[in-house]
Structures are given as C-alpha cells and as structure tokens.
Protein backbone atom coordinates (compact mmCIF):
# COMPACT_ATOMS: atom_id res chain seq x y z
CA MET A 1 52.72 1.67 -19.94
CA LYS A 2 50.24 1.66 -17.09
CA SER A 3 46.67 2.60 -17.87
CA THR A 4 45.54 5.96 -16.57
CA ARG A 5 42.37 6.58 -14.60
CA ILE A 6 40.90 8.44 -17.60
CA ALA A 7 41.39 5.41 -19.83
CA GLY A 8 39.77 3.18 -17.23
CA ILE A 9 36.77 5.48 -16.91
CA ALA A 10 36.36 5.63 -20.69
CA LEU A 11 36.34 1.82 -20.82
CA ALA A 12 33.82 1.51 -17.98
CA ALA A 13 31.55 4.10 -19.57
CA SER A 14 31.68 2.39 -22.95
CA LEU A 15 30.77 -0.99 -21.47
CA THR A 16 27.68 0.21 -19.62
CA GLY A 17 25.85 1.54 -22.66
CA GLY A 18 23.27 3.01 -20.31
CA LEU A 19 24.72 6.12 -18.68
CA ALA A 20 22.67 9.24 -19.21
CA ALA A 21 24.56 12.32 -20.35
CA THR A 22 24.56 15.17 -17.86
CA ALA A 23 25.25 18.84 -18.34
CA ALA A 24 28.89 19.60 -19.02
CA GLY A 25 30.69 20.09 -15.73
CA ALA A 26 33.00 18.33 -13.34
CA ALA A 27 32.24 16.86 -9.96
CA PHE A 28 35.94 16.85 -8.98
CA ASN A 29 38.12 19.87 -8.32
CA ASP A 30 40.98 18.64 -10.49
CA VAL A 31 38.92 17.90 -13.62
CA ASN A 32 38.60 20.65 -16.20
CA GLU A 33 34.87 21.08 -16.82
CA ASN A 34 35.61 21.98 -20.44
CA GLY A 35 37.97 19.06 -20.99
CA PRO A 36 37.22 16.21 -23.39
CA TYR A 37 36.73 13.69 -20.57
CA ALA A 38 34.68 15.83 -18.17
CA GLU A 39 31.31 14.44 -19.22
CA HIS A 40 32.48 10.81 -18.95
CA ILE A 41 34.00 11.38 -15.52
CA THR A 42 30.89 13.20 -14.31
CA ASN A 43 28.62 10.43 -15.55
CA VAL A 44 30.49 7.59 -13.88
CA GLN A 45 30.70 9.61 -10.66
CA GLU A 46 26.95 10.23 -10.73
CA ALA A 47 26.28 6.54 -11.43
CA GLY A 48 28.42 5.50 -8.46
CA ILE A 49 31.03 3.73 -10.56
CA ALA A 50 33.96 5.89 -9.39
CA THR A 51 33.81 8.16 -6.36
CA GLY A 52 37.22 9.81 -6.30
CA TYR A 53 39.32 10.65 -3.26
CA SER A 54 38.31 12.14 0.08
CA ASP A 55 39.90 15.49 -0.77
CA GLY A 56 37.54 15.96 -3.73
CA THR A 57 40.06 15.01 -6.42
CA PHE A 58 39.82 12.41 -9.13
CA ARG A 59 43.53 12.43 -10.05
CA PRO A 60 42.72 11.67 -13.68
CA THR A 61 46.25 10.97 -14.90
CA ASN A 62 47.19 8.60 -12.08
CA PRO A 63 47.70 4.95 -13.10
CA ILE A 64 45.05 2.39 -12.15
CA ASN A 65 45.68 -1.11 -10.82
CA ARG A 66 43.85 -4.34 -11.51
CA GLN A 67 41.69 -4.22 -8.37
CA GLN A 68 40.51 -0.70 -9.17
CA ALA A 69 39.70 -1.74 -12.73
CA ALA A 70 37.80 -4.79 -11.48
CA THR A 71 35.76 -2.64 -9.08
CA TRP A 72 34.80 -0.12 -11.73
CA LEU A 73 33.87 -2.77 -14.26
CA ASP A 74 31.75 -4.60 -11.69
CA ARG A 75 29.89 -1.42 -10.72
CA ALA A 76 29.33 -0.59 -14.39
CA ALA A 77 27.93 -4.00 -15.30
CA ALA A 78 24.20 -4.63 -15.75
CA ARG A 79 22.38 -7.15 -13.54
CA SER A 80 19.56 -9.54 -14.46
CA ALA A 81 17.11 -11.66 -12.48
CA LEU A 82 14.36 -14.08 -13.52
CA ASP A 83 11.73 -16.12 -11.71
CA PHE A 84 8.86 -18.31 -12.90
CA ALA A 85 5.77 -19.19 -10.90
CA ASP A 86 6.65 -22.25 -8.85
CA GLN A 87 4.54 -25.37 -9.10
CA THR A 88 2.76 -24.81 -5.79
CA ALA A 89 1.58 -21.33 -6.72
CA GLU A 90 0.90 -22.23 -10.34
CA ASN A 91 -1.30 -25.19 -9.46
CA ALA A 92 -3.17 -23.46 -6.64
CA PRO A 93 -6.18 -21.73 -8.20
CA VAL A 94 -7.59 -18.40 -7.07
CA SER A 95 -11.26 -17.98 -6.29
CA PRO A 96 -13.60 -15.28 -4.96
CA GLY A 97 -12.92 -16.62 -1.45
CA ASP A 98 -9.10 -16.73 -1.93
CA PRO A 99 -8.44 -14.10 -4.60
CA THR A 100 -4.75 -13.15 -4.22
CA ARG A 101 -1.64 -15.07 -5.25
CA ASP A 102 2.09 -14.18 -5.34
CA LEU A 103 3.46 -15.80 -8.51
CA ALA A 104 7.14 -14.82 -8.79
CA THR A 105 9.76 -12.88 -6.82
CA ILE A 106 13.13 -11.50 -7.90
CA GLU A 107 15.89 -9.76 -5.94
CA MET A 108 18.17 -7.00 -7.22
CA THR A 109 21.18 -5.23 -5.68
CA SER A 110 22.75 -1.99 -6.89
CA PRO A 111 26.56 -2.29 -6.89
CA ALA A 112 26.99 1.49 -7.12
CA ALA A 113 28.93 3.49 -4.54
CA GLY A 114 28.35 6.92 -3.03
CA ASP A 115 25.14 8.61 -4.16
CA GLY A 116 24.91 6.63 -7.41
CA GLY A 117 22.40 4.03 -8.44
CA GLY A 118 20.52 2.72 -11.42
CA TRP A 119 17.16 1.84 -12.93
CA VAL A 120 15.61 -1.61 -12.68
CA THR A 121 13.45 -2.39 -15.70
CA ILE A 122 10.79 -4.91 -14.70
CA ASN A 123 9.06 -7.16 -17.22
CA GLY A 124 6.81 -10.15 -16.88
CA TYR A 125 3.59 -11.80 -17.89
CA PHE A 126 0.52 -13.12 -16.16
CA ALA A 127 -1.87 -15.76 -17.52
CA ALA A 128 -5.12 -17.20 -16.21
CA ALA A 129 -7.43 -19.99 -17.34
CA THR A 130 -10.83 -21.16 -16.15
CA GLN A 131 -11.71 -24.75 -15.36
CA ASP A 132 -14.96 -24.66 -17.27
CA PRO A 133 -14.39 -25.50 -20.98
CA ASN A 134 -17.46 -23.41 -21.84
CA GLY A 135 -16.23 -20.36 -19.96
CA ALA A 136 -19.24 -20.25 -17.65
CA GLY A 137 -18.89 -17.51 -15.06
CA CYS A 138 -16.53 -15.34 -17.10
CA PRO A 139 -15.32 -12.79 -18.16
CA CYS A 140 -13.11 -12.84 -15.02
CA ALA A 141 -11.21 -9.65 -14.10
CA PHE A 142 -7.78 -9.54 -12.45
CA ASP A 143 -5.54 -6.83 -11.09
CA ALA A 144 -1.81 -7.53 -11.43
CA VAL A 145 0.91 -5.55 -9.66
CA VAL A 146 4.60 -5.84 -8.93
CA VAL A 147 5.36 -4.71 -5.38
CA ASP A 148 8.74 -3.88 -3.88
CA GLY A 149 9.99 -4.94 -0.45
CA ASP A 150 8.01 -2.14 1.20
CA GLY A 151 4.78 -3.22 -0.48
CA ASP A 152 4.71 -0.26 -2.89
CA ASP A 153 3.53 -0.78 -6.47
CA VAL A 154 6.28 -0.46 -9.09
CA ALA A 155 4.48 -2.04 -12.06
CA LEU A 156 0.81 -2.40 -12.97
CA GLY A 157 -1.33 -4.54 -15.25
CA ILE A 158 -4.89 -5.76 -15.74
CA LEU A 159 -6.33 -8.90 -17.29
CA THR A 160 -9.79 -10.14 -18.22
CA VAL A 161 -10.17 -13.86 -18.91
CA PRO A 162 -12.70 -14.04 -21.75
CA GLY A 163 -16.09 -15.72 -21.61
CA PRO A 164 -17.43 -18.31 -24.06
CA ALA A 165 -18.43 -15.86 -26.78
CA GLY A 166 -14.89 -14.66 -27.50
CA ASP A 167 -12.71 -17.63 -26.70
CA ASP A 168 -11.55 -20.58 -28.78
CA GLU A 169 -9.20 -22.40 -26.35
CA ARG A 170 -11.54 -24.79 -24.55
CA VAL A 171 -10.10 -28.23 -25.21
CA SER A 172 -8.03 -28.65 -22.02
CA ALA A 173 -8.10 -25.54 -19.87
CA GLY A 174 -11.10 -23.45 -20.75
CA PRO A 175 -10.89 -19.79 -21.74
CA VAL A 176 -7.37 -18.39 -21.37
CA GLY A 177 -6.15 -14.79 -21.00
CA MET A 178 -2.62 -13.39 -20.90
CA THR A 179 -1.17 -9.92 -20.36
CA PRO A 180 2.31 -8.36 -20.06
CA ILE A 181 3.33 -6.27 -17.07
CA SER A 182 6.18 -3.76 -16.95
CA GLY A 183 7.62 -0.91 -14.93
CA ILE A 184 10.83 0.98 -14.11
CA VAL A 185 12.05 1.69 -10.57
CA TRP A 186 15.10 3.53 -9.18
CA LEU A 187 17.50 1.48 -7.01
CA PRO A 188 19.96 3.56 -4.93
CA ALA A 189 23.61 2.65 -4.42
CA GLY A 190 24.36 -0.32 -2.19
CA THR A 191 20.72 -1.28 -1.61
CA THR A 192 18.91 -4.56 -2.24
CA ASP A 193 15.21 -4.86 -2.97
CA THR A 194 12.76 -7.59 -3.90
CA TYR A 195 10.00 -7.37 -6.50
CA THR A 196 6.99 -9.68 -6.39
CA LEU A 197 4.35 -10.33 -9.05
CA ARG A 198 1.00 -10.36 -7.21
CA VAL A 199 -2.37 -11.04 -8.86
CA THR A 200 -5.86 -10.56 -7.41
CA LEU A 201 -9.16 -11.84 -8.79
CA VAL A 202 -11.56 -8.89 -8.53
CA ASP A 203 -14.64 -10.07 -10.42
CA SER A 204 -15.78 -13.60 -11.20
CA ASP A 205 -18.77 -15.91 -10.91
CA VAL A 206 -16.68 -19.01 -11.61
CA GLY A 207 -15.40 -21.20 -8.77
CA ASN A 208 -11.68 -21.39 -9.56
CA VAL A 209 -9.28 -19.76 -12.01
CA PHE A 210 -5.77 -21.14 -12.51
CA VAL A 211 -2.94 -18.58 -12.70
CA ALA A 212 0.68 -18.57 -13.84
CA GLY A 213 3.34 -15.98 -14.58
CA THR A 214 6.97 -14.95 -14.68
CA LEU A 215 8.98 -11.90 -13.67
CA SER A 216 12.35 -10.55 -14.80
CA GLY A 217 14.43 -7.51 -13.94
CA GLN A 218 17.40 -5.78 -15.55
CA TYR A 219 19.50 -3.25 -13.62
CA ALA A 220 21.54 -0.61 -15.47
CA PRO A 221 23.72 2.06 -13.81
CA MET A 222 22.59 5.57 -14.55
CA ALA A 223 23.78 9.12 -14.04
CA GLU A 224 20.97 11.24 -12.61
CA GLY A 225 20.73 15.02 -12.84
CA GLU A 226 23.51 17.48 -12.10
CA PRO A 227 26.90 16.40 -10.74
CA THR A 228 27.16 15.81 -7.00
CA VAL A 229 29.79 18.23 -5.72
CA HIS A 230 32.21 16.66 -3.27
CA GLY A 231 31.08 17.30 0.30
CA GLU A 232 27.41 17.72 -0.62
CA SER A 233 24.79 15.04 -0.20
CA ALA A 234 22.44 13.98 -2.93
CA PRO A 235 18.84 15.25 -2.75
CA GLY A 236 16.80 13.31 -0.24
CA SER A 237 13.80 12.99 -2.52
CA GLY A 238 14.40 11.62 -6.00
CA PRO A 239 12.58 9.49 -8.51
CA VAL A 240 11.39 6.25 -6.95
CA SER A 241 9.21 4.75 -9.64
CA LEU A 242 7.70 5.69 -12.97
CA VAL A 243 4.42 4.06 -11.92
CA PRO A 244 1.80 6.68 -10.95
CA ARG A 245 0.48 6.43 -7.41
CA GLY A 246 -2.92 7.23 -6.02
C-alpha cells in the first residue's frame, strides 16, 4: 500500500522534534480543522515543510512518492555549523591601537519553502589571555558580539580578563578569562546568512591581549503564529532576533 500524504506529514513532524504547536485550524481548504491531523498539517505548512497545491488544497489522502518524501524530510531536518578561530586570528593579539578581531564565522541556510523558516540557536565561547604573567595592566574589558550578514547583533557577551589579585594562571599565558556567548535568530525560508563572532577590547592598559574563540549554530524548523491562509502573504514584520537592540 502506498503511503498517504498524512502519514508522510506525521513522520516529518515526528522527526523534527522542534515544531511549535499552533492554534487548532487548517491552512488548506480540504483539511478539516477539527480533524486529528489538522494541527500536524498546519505546523508543517507554517514551518515551510509542505506547501500544498496552487488551488489551496493539501489532498491529504493522496499517495506520496519517494521524491516528495525526500523533500519533506530534508526540509524538516535540523542543520548545524561550527567554526573555530583560525590560527592567524588566534595568534594575532588585540591591543588598544587595534582592538577588534573577528574570530569565527558560520553560514546557515533555511531549507523551508513558502513563508516558513526556523530558529538558529547560536552558541560559542570567547577567551583572552594577557602576555604579562603578573597581569600588569589588567583587568581588561572586552565586548563580544555575533553579527549577521547585515552587521546586526544577534548575540551578546562581555568579558573581563582578571588582574593579578584574582588570577592563578600565570605560568605560560598570564591571566586568562573566558565567557560563553549565545543568542537565537529567525531565519526565513530559502535564505542564507552568516554569523561572525567579533570581539573588541574596550579598556586596557596592557600592550597586547591574545584572543581565541569558537562559534556554532543549530537550525530547527518552526511553526510561527497562526496558519497562513492560501493566497495571503505572511506578515512583513516578524521576529528577527531575541537579542534586545538599542
């Protein structure tokens, strides 16, 4: 027996593990909004996993073929990216005269279709160490941000490298500080963006401070808000980032 479209949608929804439940309702004119599969179908439509036909139908009992199943599973799958500070950036110290360094960059693409999309969860760390084993010239303050391809902040962090009174790691590198950085940003269907970990030395009396870091991102498809009715466009202004601006 051939698999039906409902069975395929149930499988895709179960594999994502990240679709948000929306209010009961159907985005397609042939799906009963009170039926047992309405919420699943609505969620995968909102996430851009399945978009239905041009006449506004989903045709839930039609059989699916292997290429349709492959497309839905691919759109439902999570994506991951990871980058470490390369040797050039890691070994080039920052200083009051040259305070900013880009340490790691990742790229992420949303495989969703239509008006769907997903959230990219960004995680990373940033570490800094002084050259002076006695910590002279510190504490040294840093701002750390993750910026998208437009230069907007999508994750924030701060770090203070300790001075001699509060540090016990002076054998090889001098005082060392480390901090995590995290954020969540919306990625619309079919778009690609880059995210760069950028650190800036904002306060220091020491000559040079060595920096290192890493950045990772995980994309998960997500249903957002009420169902998009066929023929209507999604709202032009939606959530862009959970990082406060201004």
